[in-house]
Amino acid sequence: MVKGTIKIDAKICKGCELCIIACPQNALALSPNFNDKGYRYVELISNVCTGCANCALVCPEAGITVYREPKPAKKPQVKVE
């Protein structure tokens, strides 16, 4: 399974929750804390992120950066003759 993670810029997040709705893994939630602008910001709540980037695509503030772990290299198959 592909793994990933995200970084949310809490300073610019307005808590619109579009990324929470867009996340197929249900890995995002609103924080109980507030940013400097008075908004509850979104945070990653579980380690099930696949790096699909749905959250970043719908973020109107462009405040989400997605990181994907590279796929492991396939081991060459050895032919037995």
PDB file of N, CA and C in Angstrom:
ATOM      1  N   MET A   1       0.842  -1.185   0.000  1.00  0.00           N
ATOM      2  CA  MET A   1       0.000   0.000   0.000  1.00  0.00           C
ATOM      3  C   MET A   1       0.888   1.249   0.000  1.00  0.00           C
ATOM      4  N   VAL A   2       0.464   2.236  -0.739  1.00  0.00           N
ATOM      5  CA  VAL A   2       1.192   3.491  -0.837  1.00  0.00           C
ATOM      6  C   VAL A   2       0.977   4.293   0.442  1.00  0.00           C
ATOM      7  N   LYS A   3       2.042   4.870   0.950  1.00  0.00           N
ATOM      8  CA  LYS A   3       1.958   5.681   2.162  1.00  0.00           C
ATOM      9  C   LYS A   3       2.291   7.122   1.821  1.00  0.00           C
ATOM     10  N   GLY A   4       1.741   8.009   2.596  1.00  0.00           N
ATOM     11  CA  GLY A   4       2.033   9.420   2.419  1.00  0.00           C
ATOM     12  C   GLY A   4       1.732  10.175   3.690  1.00  0.00           C
ATOM     13  N   THR A   5       1.948  11.457   3.628  1.00  0.00           N
ATOM     14  CA  THR A   5       1.598  12.324   4.735  1.00  0.00           C
ATOM     15  C   THR A   5       1.368  13.715   4.174  1.00  0.00           C
ATOM     16  N   ILE A   6       0.805  14.577   4.982  1.00  0.00           N
ATOM     17  CA  ILE A   6       0.572  15.946   4.554  1.00  0.00           C
ATOM     18  C   ILE A   6       1.068  16.907   5.617  1.00  0.00           C
ATOM     19  N   LYS A   7       1.308  18.130   5.183  1.00  0.00           N
ATOM     20  CA  LYS A   7       1.642  19.213   6.103  1.00  0.00           C
ATOM     21  C   LYS A   7       0.631  20.316   5.848  1.00  0.00           C
ATOM     22  N   ILE A   8      -0.047  20.738   6.896  1.00  0.00           N
ATOM     23  CA  ILE A   8      -1.064  21.772   6.783  1.00  0.00           C
ATOM     24  C   ILE A   8      -0.520  23.062   7.378  1.00  0.00           C
ATOM     25  N   ASP A   9      -0.610  24.136   6.621  1.00  0.00           N
ATOM     26  CA  ASP A   9      -0.184  25.444   7.119  1.00  0.00           C
ATOM     27  C   ASP A   9      -1.322  25.995   7.977  1.00  0.00           C
ATOM     28  N   ALA A  10      -1.233  25.776   9.270  1.00  0.00           N
ATOM     29  CA  ALA A  10      -2.299  26.168  10.196  1.00  0.00           C
ATOM     30  C   ALA A  10      -2.514  27.676  10.227  1.00  0.00           C
ATOM     31  N   LYS A  11      -1.505  28.446   9.861  1.00  0.00           N
ATOM     32  CA  LYS A  11      -1.628  29.911   9.902  1.00  0.00           C
ATOM     33  C   LYS A  11      -2.618  30.433   8.871  1.00  0.00           C
ATOM     34  N   ILE A  12      -2.760  29.730   7.738  1.00  0.00           N
ATOM     35  CA  ILE A  12      -3.664  30.224   6.691  1.00  0.00           C
ATOM     36  C   ILE A  12      -4.948  29.412   6.568  1.00  0.00           C
ATOM     37  N   CYS A  13      -5.043  28.301   7.296  1.00  0.00           N
ATOM     38  CA  CYS A  13      -6.244  27.461   7.230  1.00  0.00           C
ATOM     39  C   CYS A  13      -7.427  28.202   7.838  1.00  0.00           C
ATOM     40  N   LYS A  14      -8.564  28.191   7.127  1.00  0.00           N
ATOM     41  CA  LYS A  14      -9.778  28.839   7.614  1.00  0.00           C
ATOM     42  C   LYS A  14     -10.815  27.841   8.112  1.00  0.00           C
ATOM     43  N   GLY A  15     -10.436  26.569   8.178  1.00  0.00           N
ATOM     44  CA  GLY A  15     -11.335  25.561   8.717  1.00  0.00           C
ATOM     45  C   GLY A  15     -12.580  25.323   7.895  1.00  0.00           C
ATOM     46  N   CYS A  16     -12.479  25.427   6.593  1.00  0.00           N
ATOM     47  CA  CYS A  16     -13.653  25.249   5.727  1.00  0.00           C
ATOM     48  C   CYS A  16     -14.114  23.799   5.656  1.00  0.00           C
ATOM     49  N   GLU A  17     -13.262  22.872   6.028  1.00  0.00           N
ATOM     50  CA  GLU A  17     -13.547  21.433   6.088  1.00  0.00           C
ATOM     51  C   GLU A  17     -13.665  20.746   4.732  1.00  0.00           C
ATOM     52  N   LEU A  18     -13.345  21.434   3.636  1.00  0.00           N
ATOM     53  CA  LEU A  18     -13.412  20.785   2.324  1.00  0.00           C
ATOM     54  C   LEU A  18     -12.447  19.613   2.239  1.00  0.00           C
ATOM     55  N   CYS A  19     -11.273  19.767   2.830  1.00  0.00           N
ATOM     56  CA  CYS A  19     -10.290  18.680   2.797  1.00  0.00           C
ATOM     57  C   CYS A  19     -10.750  17.483   3.621  1.00  0.00           C
ATOM     58  N   ILE A  20     -11.445  17.738   4.706  1.00  0.00           N
ATOM     59  CA  ILE A  20     -11.968  16.649   5.538  1.00  0.00           C
ATOM     60  C   ILE A  20     -12.967  15.822   4.745  1.00  0.00           C
ATOM     61  N   ILE A  21     -13.813  16.495   4.001  1.00  0.00           N
ATOM     62  CA  ILE A  21     -14.815  15.812   3.169  1.00  0.00           C
ATOM     63  C   ILE A  21     -14.146  15.053   2.031  1.00  0.00           C
ATOM     64  N   ALA A  22     -13.078  15.617   1.461  1.00  0.00           N
ATOM     65  CA  ALA A  22     -12.408  15.023   0.305  1.00  0.00           C
ATOM     66  C   ALA A  22     -11.505  13.851   0.657  1.00  0.00           C
ATOM     67  N   CYS A  23     -11.152  13.681   1.911  1.00  0.00           N
ATOM     68  CA  CYS A  23     -10.207  12.629   2.302  1.00  0.00           C
ATOM     69  C   CYS A  23     -10.883  11.262   2.316  1.00  0.00           C
ATOM     70  N   PRO A  24     -10.472  10.341   1.428  1.00  0.00           N
ATOM     71  CA  PRO A  24     -11.092   9.020   1.403  1.00  0.00           C
ATOM     72  C   PRO A  24     -10.680   8.140   2.588  1.00  0.00           C
ATOM     73  N   GLN A  25      -9.611   8.521   3.278  1.00  0.00           N
ATOM     74  CA  GLN A  25      -9.110   7.726   4.407  1.00  0.00           C
ATOM     75  C   GLN A  25      -9.639   8.225   5.756  1.00  0.00           C
ATOM     76  N   ASN A  26     -10.395   9.316   5.765  1.00  0.00           N
ATOM     77  CA  ASN A  26     -10.886   9.932   7.015  1.00  0.00           C
ATOM     78  C   ASN A  26      -9.739  10.212   7.974  1.00  0.00           C
ATOM     79  N   ALA A  27      -8.668  10.785   7.452  1.00  0.00           N
ATOM     80  CA  ALA A  27      -7.467  11.035   8.247  1.00  0.00           C
ATOM     81  C   ALA A  27      -7.375  12.462   8.769  1.00  0.00           C
ATOM     82  N   LEU A  28      -8.364  13.299   8.463  1.00  0.00           N
ATOM     83  CA  LEU A  28      -8.316  14.706   8.852  1.00  0.00           C
ATOM     84  C   LEU A  28      -9.476  15.075   9.766  1.00  0.00           C
ATOM     85  N   ALA A  29      -9.230  16.065  10.631  1.00  0.00           N
ATOM     86  CA  ALA A  29     -10.282  16.582  11.512  1.00  0.00           C
ATOM     87  C   ALA A  29      -9.933  18.006  11.909  1.00  0.00           C
ATOM     88  N   LEU A  30     -10.934  18.730  12.389  1.00  0.00           N
ATOM     89  CA  LEU A  30     -10.677  20.069  12.900  1.00  0.00           C
ATOM     90  C   LEU A  30      -9.985  19.987  14.245  1.00  0.00           C
ATOM     91  N   SER A  31      -9.015  20.819  14.428  1.00  0.00           N
ATOM     92  CA  SER A  31      -8.289  20.889  15.693  1.00  0.00           C
ATOM     93  C   SER A  31      -9.158  21.590  16.739  1.00  0.00           C
ATOM     94  N   PRO A  32      -9.001  21.249  17.996  1.00  0.00           N
ATOM     95  CA  PRO A  32      -9.716  22.001  19.037  1.00  0.00           C
ATOM     96  C   PRO A  32      -9.076  23.376  19.272  1.00  0.00           C
ATOM     97  N   ASN A  33      -7.894  23.589  18.693  1.00  0.00           N
ATOM     98  CA  ASN A  33      -7.170  24.856  18.855  1.00  0.00           C
ATOM     99  C   ASN A  33      -7.515  25.831  17.731  1.00  0.00           C
ATOM    100  N   PHE A  34      -7.165  27.085  17.936  1.00  0.00           N
ATOM    101  CA  PHE A  34      -7.430  28.139  16.965  1.00  0.00           C
ATOM    102  C   PHE A  34      -6.114  28.735  16.468  1.00  0.00           C
ATOM    103  N   ASN A  35      -6.117  29.179  15.211  1.00  0.00           N
ATOM    104  CA  ASN A  35      -4.926  29.849  14.685  1.00  0.00           C
ATOM    105  C   ASN A  35      -4.993  31.342  15.027  1.00  0.00           C
ATOM    106  N   ASP A  36      -4.024  32.114  14.552  1.00  0.00           N
ATOM    107  CA  ASP A  36      -3.949  33.545  14.881  1.00  0.00           C
ATOM    108  C   ASP A  36      -5.129  34.345  14.341  1.00  0.00           C
ATOM    109  N   LYS A  37      -5.783  33.823  13.300  1.00  0.00           N
ATOM    110  CA  LYS A  37      -6.928  34.517  12.717  1.00  0.00           C
ATOM    111  C   LYS A  37      -8.241  34.145  13.405  1.00  0.00           C
ATOM    112  N   GLY A  38      -8.180  33.205  14.344  1.00  0.00           N
ATOM    113  CA  GLY A  38      -9.377  32.809  15.079  1.00  0.00           C
ATOM    114  C   GLY A  38     -10.133  31.645  14.482  1.00  0.00           C
ATOM    115  N   TYR A  39      -9.529  30.961  13.535  1.00  0.00           N
ATOM    116  CA  TYR A  39     -10.168  29.801  12.905  1.00  0.00           C
ATOM    117  C   TYR A  39      -9.636  28.508  13.521  1.00  0.00           C
ATOM    118  N   ARG A  40     -10.528  27.528  13.636  1.00  0.00           N
ATOM    119  CA  ARG A  40     -10.060  26.179  13.965  1.00  0.00           C
ATOM    120  C   ARG A  40      -9.463  25.607  12.691  1.00  0.00           C
ATOM    121  N   TYR A  41      -8.256  25.128  12.778  1.00  0.00           N
ATOM    122  CA  TYR A  41      -7.559  24.618  11.596  1.00  0.00           C
ATOM    123  C   TYR A  41      -7.648  23.095  11.536  1.00  0.00           C
ATOM    124  N   VAL A  42      -7.362  22.558  10.366  1.00  0.00           N
ATOM    125  CA  VAL A  42      -7.431  21.116  10.136  1.00  0.00           C
ATOM    126  C   VAL A  42      -6.092  20.489  10.507  1.00  0.00           C
ATOM    127  N   GLU A  43      -6.145  19.262  11.016  1.00  0.00           N
ATOM    128  CA  GLU A  43      -4.924  18.535  11.327  1.00  0.00           C
ATOM    129  C   GLU A  43      -5.074  17.070  10.958  1.00  0.00           C
ATOM    130  N   LEU A  44      -3.946  16.434  10.730  1.00  0.00           N
ATOM    131  CA  LEU A  44      -3.895  15.007  10.430  1.00  0.00           C
ATOM    132  C   LEU A  44      -4.078  14.245  11.734  1.00  0.00           C
ATOM    133  N   ILE A  45      -5.088  13.370  11.789  1.00  0.00           N
ATOM    134  CA  ILE A  45      -5.392  12.690  13.058  1.00  0.00           C
ATOM    135  C   ILE A  45      -5.012  11.213  13.078  1.00  0.00           C
ATOM    136  N   SER A  46      -4.702  10.657  11.921  1.00  0.00           N
ATOM    137  CA  SER A  46      -4.305   9.251  11.910  1.00  0.00           C
ATOM    138  C   SER A  46      -3.254   9.022  10.830  1.00  0.00           C
ATOM    139  N   ASN A  47      -2.565   7.920  10.948  1.00  0.00           N
ATOM    140  CA  ASN A  47      -1.443   7.612  10.059  1.00  0.00           C
ATOM    141  C   ASN A  47      -1.879   6.718   8.902  1.00  0.00           C
ATOM    142  N   VAL A  48      -3.025   7.004   8.313  1.00  0.00           N
ATOM    143  CA  VAL A  48      -3.513   6.196   7.199  1.00  0.00           C
ATOM    144  C   VAL A  48      -3.469   6.949   5.869  1.00  0.00           C
ATOM    145  N   CYS A  49      -2.811   8.083   5.850  1.00  0.00           N
ATOM    146  CA  CYS A  49      -2.717   8.899   4.640  1.00  0.00           C
ATOM    147  C   CYS A  49      -2.002   8.120   3.535  1.00  0.00           C
ATOM    148  N   THR A  50      -2.580   8.161   2.333  1.00  0.00           N
ATOM    149  CA  THR A  50      -1.970   7.497   1.180  1.00  0.00           C
ATOM    150  C   THR A  50      -1.305   8.497   0.237  1.00  0.00           C
ATOM    151  N   GLY A  51      -1.403   9.773   0.540  1.00  0.00           N
ATOM    152  CA  GLY A  51      -0.816  10.780  -0.328  1.00  0.00           C
ATOM    153  C   GLY A  51      -1.601  10.987  -1.606  1.00  0.00           C
ATOM    154  N   CYS A  52      -2.901  10.762  -1.564  1.00  0.00           N
ATOM    155  CA  CYS A  52      -3.730  10.865  -2.771  1.00  0.00           C
ATOM    156  C   CYS A  52      -3.850  12.302  -3.280  1.00  0.00           C
ATOM    157  N   ALA A  53      -3.636  13.281  -2.425  1.00  0.00           N
ATOM    158  CA  ALA A  53      -3.651  14.715  -2.753  1.00  0.00           C
ATOM    159  C   ALA A  53      -5.038  15.297  -2.958  1.00  0.00           C
ATOM    160  N   ASN A  54      -6.094  14.556  -2.652  1.00  0.00           N
ATOM    161  CA  ASN A  54      -7.440  15.115  -2.762  1.00  0.00           C
ATOM    162  C   ASN A  54      -7.592  16.349  -1.887  1.00  0.00           C
ATOM    163  N   CYS A  55      -7.048  16.298  -0.694  1.00  0.00           N
ATOM    164  CA  CYS A  55      -7.168  17.412   0.239  1.00  0.00           C
ATOM    165  C   CYS A  55      -6.507  18.670  -0.319  1.00  0.00           C
ATOM    166  N   ALA A  56      -5.329  18.525  -0.883  1.00  0.00           N
ATOM    167  CA  ALA A  56      -4.601  19.669  -1.430  1.00  0.00           C
ATOM    168  C   ALA A  56      -5.311  20.252  -2.646  1.00  0.00           C
ATOM    169  N   LEU A  57      -5.948  19.406  -3.429  1.00  0.00           N
ATOM    170  CA  LEU A  57      -6.642  19.874  -4.627  1.00  0.00           C
ATOM    171  C   LEU A  57      -7.853  20.727  -4.305  1.00  0.00           C
ATOM    172  N   VAL A  58      -8.548  20.441  -3.212  1.00  0.00           N
ATOM    173  CA  VAL A  58      -9.762  21.186  -2.879  1.00  0.00           C
ATOM    174  C   VAL A  58      -9.515  22.361  -1.932  1.00  0.00           C
ATOM    175  N   CYS A  59      -8.314  22.490  -1.395  1.00  0.00           N
ATOM    176  CA  CYS A  59      -8.025  23.556  -0.429  1.00  0.00           C
ATOM    177  C   CYS A  59      -8.012  24.917  -1.128  1.00  0.00           C
ATOM    178  N   PRO A  60      -8.956  25.806  -0.789  1.00  0.00           N
ATOM    179  CA  PRO A  60      -8.999  27.120  -1.443  1.00  0.00           C
ATOM    180  C   PRO A  60      -7.831  28.027  -1.045  1.00  0.00           C
ATOM    181  N   GLU A  61      -7.178  27.731   0.048  1.00  0.00           N
ATOM    182  CA  GLU A  61      -6.057  28.549   0.510  1.00  0.00           C
ATOM    183  C   GLU A  61      -4.703  27.994   0.057  1.00  0.00           C
ATOM    184  N   ALA A  62      -4.692  26.841  -0.594  1.00  0.00           N
ATOM    185  CA  ALA A  62      -3.464  26.151  -1.012  1.00  0.00           C
ATOM    186  C   ALA A  62      -2.530  25.981   0.182  1.00  0.00           C
ATOM    187  N   GLY A  63      -3.107  25.546   1.296  1.00  0.00           N
ATOM    188  CA  GLY A  63      -2.355  25.419   2.531  1.00  0.00           C
ATOM    189  C   GLY A  63      -1.929  24.012   2.881  1.00  0.00           C
ATOM    190  N   ILE A  64      -2.061  23.082   1.943  1.00  0.00           N
ATOM    191  CA  ILE A  64      -1.716  21.691   2.222  1.00  0.00           C
ATOM    192  C   ILE A  64      -0.640  21.224   1.247  1.00  0.00           C
ATOM    193  N   THR A  65       0.416  20.659   1.801  1.00  0.00           N
ATOM    194  CA  THR A  65       1.487  20.072   1.001  1.00  0.00           C
ATOM    195  C   THR A  65       1.461  18.565   1.216  1.00  0.00           C
ATOM    196  N   VAL A  66       1.502  17.821   0.135  1.00  0.00           N
ATOM    197  CA  VAL A  66       1.415  16.363   0.186  1.00  0.00           C
ATOM    198  C   VAL A  66       2.791  15.759  -0.050  1.00  0.00           C
ATOM    199  N   TYR A  67       3.120  14.768   0.752  1.00  0.00           N
ATOM    200  CA  TYR A  67       4.375  14.028   0.604  1.00  0.00           C
ATOM    201  C   TYR A  67       4.043  12.553   0.451  1.00  0.00           C
ATOM    202  N   ARG A  68       4.611  11.931  -0.579  1.00  0.00           N
ATOM    203  CA  ARG A  68       4.412  10.496  -0.802  1.00  0.00           C
ATOM    204  C   ARG A  68       5.724   9.765  -0.620  1.00  0.00           C
ATOM    205  N   GLU A  69       5.649   8.614   0.016  1.00  0.00           N
ATOM    206  CA  GLU A  69       6.820   7.758   0.125  1.00  0.00           C
ATOM    207  C   GLU A  69       6.977   7.027  -1.200  1.00  0.00           C
ATOM    208  N   PRO A  70       8.203   6.883  -1.681  1.00  0.00           N
ATOM    209  CA  PRO A  70       8.395   6.169  -2.951  1.00  0.00           C
ATOM    210  C   PRO A  70       7.988   4.702  -2.816  1.00  0.00           C
ATOM    211  N   LYS A  71       7.478   4.180  -3.915  1.00  0.00           N
ATOM    212  CA  LYS A  71       7.121   2.762  -3.924  1.00  0.00           C
ATOM    213  C   LYS A  71       8.381   1.930  -3.782  1.00  0.00           C
ATOM    214  N   PRO A  72       8.316   0.857  -3.018  1.00  0.00           N
ATOM    215  CA  PRO A  72       9.500   0.007  -2.906  1.00  0.00           C
ATOM    216  C   PRO A  72       9.818  -0.627  -4.259  1.00  0.00           C
ATOM    217  N   ALA A  73      11.092  -0.736  -4.537  1.00  0.00           N
ATOM    218  CA  ALA A  73      11.530  -1.325  -5.806  1.00  0.00           C
ATOM    219  C   ALA A  73      11.186  -2.804  -5.827  1.00  0.00           C
ATOM    220  N   LYS A  74      10.762  -3.252  -6.989  1.00  0.00           N
ATOM    221  CA  LYS A  74      10.449  -4.668  -7.123  1.00  0.00           C
ATOM    222  C   LYS A  74      11.744  -5.455  -7.204  1.00  0.00           C
ATOM    223  N   LYS A  75      11.748  -6.565  -6.526  1.00  0.00           N
ATOM    224  CA  LYS A  75      12.926  -7.418  -6.555  1.00  0.00           C
ATOM    225  C   LYS A  75      12.918  -8.196  -7.874  1.00  0.00           C
ATOM    226  N   PRO A  76      14.073  -8.295  -8.510  1.00  0.00           N
ATOM    227  CA  PRO A  76      14.118  -9.047  -9.769  1.00  0.00           C
ATOM    228  C   PRO A  76      13.846 -10.542  -9.490  1.00  0.00           C
ATOM    229  N   GLN A  77      13.051 -11.115 -10.337  1.00  0.00           N
ATOM    230  CA  GLN A  77      12.744 -12.532 -10.178  1.00  0.00           C
ATOM    231  C   GLN A  77      13.887 -13.353 -10.749  1.00  0.00           C
ATOM    232  N   VAL A  78      14.277 -14.342  -9.991  1.00  0.00           N
ATOM    233  CA  VAL A  78      15.355 -15.221 -10.414  1.00  0.00           C
ATOM    234  C   VAL A  78      14.753 -16.437 -11.088  1.00  0.00           C
ATOM    235  N   LYS A  79      15.224 -16.718 -12.291  1.00  0.00           N
ATOM    236  CA  LYS A  79      14.713 -17.894 -13.009  1.00  0.00           C
ATOM    237  C   LYS A  79      15.489 -19.118 -12.541  1.00  0.00           C
ATOM    238  N   VAL A  80      14.757 -20.144 -12.244  1.00  0.00           N
ATOM    239  CA  VAL A  80      15.372 -21.410 -11.836  1.00  0.00           C
ATOM    240  C   VAL A  80      15.274 -22.363 -13.028  1.00  0.00           C
ATOM    241  N   GLU A  81      16.445 -22.809 -13.480  1.00  0.00           N
ATOM    242  CA  GLU A  81      16.437 -23.702 -14.653  1.00  0.00           C
ATOM    243  C   GLU A  81      16.882 -25.083 -14.270  1.00  0.00           C
TER     244      GLU A  81
END
